[in-house]
Amino acid sequence: MARMARTSPTRKRRVQKGKRRFRDRGGKEWKGSIVDYKEVDLLHKFLTASSKMMSRKRAGTNAREQRDIRRAIKRARYLALLPFTGT
């Protein structure tokens, strides 16, 4: 017989109010979905040390903002404003 994973339906994750797993990467100057590929300093905040794009969960953005950031990063890379690989 195959072993089944033990899961408890009564067990819940503890989530503290007001506590985020990752800090807000955008900072105070980040106002939402207005992203331009020429704002290299802002786009750098959404890249890891190896120049990978951060996930939505880690960046703290919603789906629309993440799409705008992704598009801006790809345009900036194409125009050589951002690196394709880490430094």
Protein backbone atom coordinates (compact mmCIF):
# COMPACT_ATOMS: atom_id res chain seq x y z
CA MET A 1 0.00 0.00 0.00
CA ALA A 2 1.09 3.50 -0.70
CA ARG A 3 1.74 5.77 2.23
CA MET A 4 -0.46 8.79 2.50
CA ALA A 5 0.85 12.07 3.80
CA ARG A 6 -0.40 12.92 7.25
CA THR A 7 -2.28 16.17 7.28
CA SER A 8 -4.31 17.62 10.05
CA PRO A 9 -7.35 19.64 9.01
CA THR A 10 -7.39 21.45 12.35
CA ARG A 11 -3.81 22.68 12.11
CA LYS A 12 -3.55 26.28 10.93
CA ARG A 13 -0.58 28.47 10.22
CA ARG A 14 0.12 31.19 12.69
CA VAL A 15 0.16 34.58 11.01
CA GLN A 16 1.00 37.66 12.98
CA LYS A 17 -0.94 40.78 12.10
CA GLY A 18 1.08 43.51 10.49
CA LYS A 19 4.09 41.25 10.06
CA ARG A 20 5.36 40.66 6.53
CA ARG A 21 7.76 37.94 5.53
CA PHE A 22 9.84 40.21 3.31
CA ARG A 23 10.32 43.93 3.61
CA ASP A 24 8.76 46.22 1.02
CA ARG A 25 11.33 46.44 -1.75
CA GLY A 26 9.86 49.45 -3.50
CA GLY A 27 10.35 51.83 -0.61
CA LYS A 28 8.50 55.07 0.01
CA GLU A 29 9.02 56.36 -3.51
CA TRP A 30 7.14 53.34 -4.95
CA LYS A 31 3.60 54.53 -5.67
CA GLY A 32 2.15 51.56 -7.53
CA SER A 33 1.80 50.63 -11.15
CA ILE A 34 3.62 53.61 -12.73
CA VAL A 35 6.86 51.99 -13.90
CA ASP A 36 9.17 53.20 -16.63
CA TYR A 37 12.16 51.34 -18.09
CA LYS A 38 14.28 54.50 -17.68
CA GLU A 39 13.99 54.41 -13.87
CA VAL A 40 16.98 52.13 -13.43
CA ASP A 41 17.41 52.78 -9.69
CA LEU A 42 13.84 51.71 -8.99
CA LEU A 43 14.13 48.63 -11.18
CA HIS A 44 17.33 47.57 -9.40
CA LYS A 45 15.29 47.19 -6.20
CA PHE A 46 13.25 44.44 -7.84
CA LEU A 47 16.30 42.41 -8.92
CA THR A 48 18.27 39.92 -6.83
CA ALA A 49 22.06 39.98 -6.56
CA SER A 50 22.25 37.62 -9.54
CA SER A 51 20.00 39.99 -11.57
CA LYS A 52 16.94 37.75 -11.42
CA MET A 53 13.51 39.32 -11.11
CA MET A 54 12.00 38.97 -7.65
CA SER A 55 8.79 37.08 -7.09
CA ARG A 56 5.57 38.91 -6.30
CA LYS A 57 5.63 37.59 -2.78
CA ARG A 58 9.10 38.88 -2.07
CA ALA A 59 8.69 42.17 -3.93
CA GLY A 60 5.34 42.92 -2.31
CA THR A 61 3.55 43.81 -5.54
CA ASN A 62 0.24 42.77 -7.01
CA ALA A 63 -0.14 40.97 -10.34
CA ARG A 64 -0.60 44.10 -12.45
CA GLU A 65 2.41 45.86 -10.91
CA GLN A 66 4.52 42.72 -11.35
CA ARG A 67 3.68 42.57 -15.06
CA ASP A 68 4.62 46.25 -15.47
CA ILE A 69 7.89 45.71 -13.60
CA ARG A 70 8.70 42.62 -15.69
CA ARG A 71 8.06 44.51 -18.93
CA ALA A 72 10.17 47.49 -17.80
CA ILE A 73 13.07 45.27 -16.70
CA LYS A 74 13.09 43.42 -20.02
CA ARG A 75 13.07 46.70 -21.97
CA ALA A 76 15.86 48.12 -19.83
CA ARG A 77 17.94 44.97 -20.37
CA TYR A 78 17.42 45.18 -24.12
CA LEU A 79 18.66 48.79 -24.11
CA ALA A 80 21.64 47.80 -21.89
CA LEU A 81 20.45 49.89 -18.93
CA LEU A 82 20.30 46.78 -16.72
CA PRO A 83 22.55 43.70 -16.78
CA PHE A 84 21.33 40.28 -17.88
CA THR A 85 23.60 38.60 -15.32
CA GLY A 86 24.81 39.50 -11.83
CA THR A 87 27.97 41.38 -11.06
